[in-house]
Amino acid sequence: MPERPVLRIIRGAPTAAELAALIAVVAAASAVGEADAPRRRSAWAAPDRSMRVPLNSGGWRSSLAPR
């Protein structure tokens, strides 16, 4: 069974550029809900990572590990 079209032109003869603009607007409007989800912050970007720790003999080992 063929799929129903998502958009249907009722009247007029739109150009290819007008159709492309319409599809871009509809796609952007439907993608807004996806951007609202909270993003998980990487441990590398955490503000407390910029705090210095005391230097010790094994400090070079822990310098690569995210805190």
C-alpha atoms as a PDB file:
ATOM      1  CA  MET A   1       0.000   0.000   0.000  1.00  0.00           C
ATOM      2  CA  PRO A   2       1.511   3.393  -0.965  1.00  0.00           C
ATOM      3  CA  GLU A   3       2.325   5.844   1.827  1.00  0.00           C
ATOM      4  CA  ARG A   4       0.315   9.014   2.236  1.00  0.00           C
ATOM      5  CA  PRO A   5       2.224  12.202   1.399  1.00  0.00           C
ATOM      6  CA  VAL A   6       3.283  14.259   4.395  1.00  0.00           C
ATOM      7  CA  LEU A   7       2.681  17.563   2.596  1.00  0.00           C
ATOM      8  CA  ARG A   8       0.114  18.252  -0.079  1.00  0.00           C
ATOM      9  CA  ILE A   9      -0.081  21.329  -2.311  1.00  0.00           C
ATOM     10  CA  ILE A  10      -3.707  22.493  -2.422  1.00  0.00           C
ATOM     11  CA  ARG A  11      -3.449  25.398  -4.819  1.00  0.00           C
ATOM     12  CA  GLY A  12      -0.800  27.011  -7.013  1.00  0.00           C
ATOM     13  CA  ALA A  13       2.396  25.742  -8.575  1.00  0.00           C
ATOM     14  CA  PRO A  14       5.344  26.175  -6.197  1.00  0.00           C
ATOM     15  CA  THR A  15       8.861  26.230  -7.566  1.00  0.00           C
ATOM     16  CA  ALA A  16      11.489  23.733  -6.481  1.00  0.00           C
ATOM     17  CA  ALA A  17      13.084  26.419  -4.282  1.00  0.00           C
ATOM     18  CA  GLU A  18       9.771  27.159  -2.555  1.00  0.00           C
ATOM     19  CA  LEU A  19       9.183  23.462  -1.885  1.00  0.00           C
ATOM     20  CA  ALA A  20      12.718  23.098  -0.528  1.00  0.00           C
ATOM     21  CA  ALA A  21      12.157  26.051   1.816  1.00  0.00           C
ATOM     22  CA  LEU A  22       8.860  24.596   3.026  1.00  0.00           C
ATOM     23  CA  ILE A  23      10.407  21.185   3.689  1.00  0.00           C
ATOM     24  CA  ALA A  24      13.337  22.794   5.540  1.00  0.00           C
ATOM     25  CA  VAL A  25      10.966  24.740   7.819  1.00  0.00           C
ATOM     26  CA  VAL A  26       8.815  21.692   8.568  1.00  0.00           C
ATOM     27  CA  ALA A  27      11.890  19.544   9.260  1.00  0.00           C
ATOM     28  CA  ALA A  28      13.376  22.193  11.573  1.00  0.00           C
ATOM     29  CA  ALA A  29      10.096  22.585  13.451  1.00  0.00           C
ATOM     30  CA  SER A  30       9.812  18.849  14.006  1.00  0.00           C
ATOM     31  CA  ALA A  31      13.425  18.616  15.231  1.00  0.00           C
ATOM     32  CA  VAL A  32      12.896  21.206  17.999  1.00  0.00           C
ATOM     33  CA  GLY A  33      11.635  18.544  20.405  1.00  0.00           C
ATOM     34  CA  GLU A  34      14.843  16.545  20.009  1.00  0.00           C
ATOM     35  CA  ALA A  35      17.035  19.484  21.042  1.00  0.00           C
ATOM     36  CA  ASP A  36      15.130  20.016  24.310  1.00  0.00           C
ATOM     37  CA  ALA A  37      16.539  16.878  25.933  1.00  0.00           C
ATOM     38  CA  PRO A  38      19.201  17.675  28.547  1.00  0.00           C
ATOM     39  CA  ARG A  39      22.686  16.772  27.440  1.00  0.00           C
ATOM     40  CA  ARG A  40      25.029  14.847  29.670  1.00  0.00           C
ATOM     41  CA  ARG A  41      28.191  16.792  30.361  1.00  0.00           C
ATOM     42  CA  SER A  42      31.463  15.048  29.667  1.00  0.00           C
ATOM     43  CA  ALA A  43      33.751  14.475  32.636  1.00  0.00           C
ATOM     44  CA  TRP A  44      36.458  16.265  30.672  1.00  0.00           C
ATOM     45  CA  ALA A  45      34.364  19.455  30.553  1.00  0.00           C
ATOM     46  CA  ALA A  46      33.377  19.431  34.241  1.00  0.00           C
ATOM     47  CA  PRO A  47      34.234  22.693  36.051  1.00  0.00           C
ATOM     48  CA  ASP A  48      35.781  20.890  39.002  1.00  0.00           C
ATOM     49  CA  ARG A  49      38.334  19.375  36.636  1.00  0.00           C
ATOM     50  CA  SER A  50      40.055  22.737  36.367  1.00  0.00           C
ATOM     51  CA  MET A  51      40.817  22.693  40.093  1.00  0.00           C
ATOM     52  CA  ARG A  52      44.428  21.794  40.743  1.00  0.00           C
ATOM     53  CA  VAL A  53      45.341  18.860  42.945  1.00  0.00           C
ATOM     54  CA  PRO A  54      48.522  18.651  45.008  1.00  0.00           C
ATOM     55  CA  LEU A  55      51.507  17.276  43.136  1.00  0.00           C
ATOM     56  CA  ASN A  56      52.771  13.918  44.315  1.00  0.00           C
ATOM     57  CA  SER A  57      54.928  11.073  43.047  1.00  0.00           C
ATOM     58  CA  GLY A  58      52.088   9.363  41.109  1.00  0.00           C
ATOM     59  CA  GLY A  59      50.502  12.543  39.766  1.00  0.00           C
ATOM     60  CA  TRP A  60      51.389  11.825  36.154  1.00  0.00           C
ATOM     61  CA  ARG A  61      49.305   8.627  36.255  1.00  0.00           C
ATOM     62  CA  SER A  62      46.149  10.396  37.367  1.00  0.00           C
ATOM     63  CA  SER A  63      46.619  13.371  35.035  1.00  0.00           C
ATOM     64  CA  LEU A  64      44.876  11.580  32.158  1.00  0.00           C
ATOM     65  CA  ALA A  65      41.963  10.165  34.131  1.00  0.00           C
ATOM     66  CA  PRO A  66      38.828  12.316  34.376  1.00  0.00           C
ATOM     67  CA  ARG A  67      37.855  13.139  37.936  1.00  0.00           C
END
